[in-house]
Amino acid sequence: VLRDDFRQPPGDVVVAAGEPAVLECVPPRGHPEPSVSWKKNGVRLSDKDEHLTIRGGKLMVASTRRSDAGVYVCVATNVVGERDSEPAELVVF
């Protein structure tokens, strides 16, 4: 089972360059419990990226750069399939 509705979709975030940014996502209820990954401008983000931390649905950027700005989507995945959240924009000024 994988419901359509995200319990908490990510919201837009505005930060100054060098500041930390956190995008939060609580995936839809599912069985088995879905895992969360993220896409930026349509491209899946790697959790191998030292610059980013993905933990329990949160995407954390310790020190934002201008290049981090973009449109982020939270992706919930389990054996049934995947669901994309509504997009959230990260603005870095």
Protein backbone atom coordinates (compact mmCIF):
# COMPACT_ATOMS: atom_id res chain seq x y z
CA VAL A 1 0.00 0.00 0.00
CA LEU A 2 1.19 3.54 -0.71
CA ARG A 3 -1.21 6.41 -0.15
CA ASP A 4 -1.22 9.50 -2.36
CA ASP A 5 -1.21 12.15 0.32
CA PHE A 6 2.03 13.30 1.88
CA ARG A 7 1.64 13.80 5.62
CA GLN A 8 3.91 16.83 5.26
CA PRO A 9 5.02 18.01 1.83
CA PRO A 10 8.13 20.20 1.68
CA GLY A 11 7.58 23.96 1.74
CA ASP A 12 9.49 26.74 0.02
CA VAL A 13 12.66 27.87 1.82
CA VAL A 14 14.52 31.16 1.45
CA VAL A 15 18.04 31.44 2.88
CA ALA A 16 21.15 33.55 2.55
CA ALA A 17 24.18 31.91 0.94
CA GLY A 18 26.27 30.19 3.63
CA GLU A 19 23.26 29.61 5.89
CA PRO A 20 21.92 26.12 6.57
CA ALA A 21 18.70 25.07 4.83
CA VAL A 22 16.31 22.27 5.77
CA LEU A 23 13.54 20.90 3.59
CA GLU A 24 11.21 18.63 5.53
CA CYS A 25 9.04 15.87 4.16
CA VAL A 26 6.82 13.31 5.86
CA PRO A 27 5.90 10.67 3.28
CA PRO A 28 2.44 9.19 2.80
CA ARG A 29 1.50 6.24 4.96
CA GLY A 30 2.44 2.98 3.31
CA HIS A 31 3.07 -0.67 3.92
CA PRO A 32 5.95 -1.31 3.96
CA GLU A 33 6.87 2.14 5.30
CA PRO A 34 8.15 4.16 2.32
CA SER A 35 11.70 5.43 2.12
CA VAL A 36 12.34 9.05 1.19
CA SER A 37 14.67 10.38 -1.47
CA TRP A 38 14.86 13.79 -3.12
CA LYS A 39 15.04 15.19 -6.61
CA LYS A 40 16.38 18.62 -7.53
CA ASN A 41 15.18 20.05 -10.85
CA GLY A 42 14.06 16.53 -11.79
CA VAL A 43 17.38 14.81 -10.97
CA ARG A 44 17.63 12.39 -8.05
CA LEU A 45 20.07 13.56 -5.37
CA SER A 46 22.75 11.20 -4.14
CA ASP A 47 23.14 10.62 -0.41
CA LYS A 48 26.86 10.26 -1.18
CA ASP A 49 27.06 14.03 -1.69
CA GLU A 50 29.09 15.41 1.25
CA HIS A 51 27.31 18.74 0.91
CA LEU A 52 23.88 17.25 1.68
CA THR A 53 22.44 15.15 4.47
CA ILE A 54 19.26 13.15 3.96
CA ARG A 55 17.91 11.85 7.23
CA GLY A 56 14.43 10.63 8.05
CA GLY A 57 12.73 12.65 5.34
CA LYS A 58 14.73 15.83 5.95
CA LEU A 59 17.08 17.22 3.35
CA MET A 60 19.71 19.31 5.10
CA VAL A 61 22.25 21.59 3.45
CA ALA A 62 24.85 22.68 6.01
CA SER A 63 26.07 25.71 4.07
CA THR A 64 23.99 26.70 1.08
CA ARG A 65 25.54 27.85 -2.16
CA ARG A 66 23.86 29.67 -5.00
CA SER A 67 24.02 26.42 -6.96
CA ASP A 68 21.72 24.76 -4.38
CA ALA A 69 18.84 26.98 -5.46
CA GLY A 70 16.19 25.13 -7.43
CA VAL A 71 13.01 23.11 -7.28
CA TYR A 72 13.03 20.13 -4.94
CA VAL A 73 10.62 17.20 -4.85
CA CYS A 74 10.35 14.64 -2.07
CA VAL A 75 9.98 11.09 -3.43
CA ALA A 76 8.39 8.34 -1.32
CA THR A 77 9.21 4.81 -2.50
CA ASN A 78 8.19 1.31 -1.46
CA VAL A 79 7.53 -1.97 -3.27
CA VAL A 80 4.20 -0.68 -4.60
CA GLY A 81 5.73 2.27 -6.40
CA GLU A 82 6.69 5.86 -5.86
CA ARG A 83 4.96 9.13 -5.22
CA ASP A 84 6.33 12.63 -5.81
CA SER A 85 5.41 15.47 -3.47
CA GLU A 86 4.37 18.90 -4.64
CA PRO A 87 7.53 20.83 -5.60
CA ALA A 88 9.20 23.19 -3.13
CA GLU A 89 11.57 25.97 -4.12
CA LEU A 90 14.86 26.69 -2.39
CA VAL A 91 15.85 30.31 -2.93
CA VAL A 92 19.43 31.32 -2.08
CA PHE A 93 20.24 35.02 -2.00
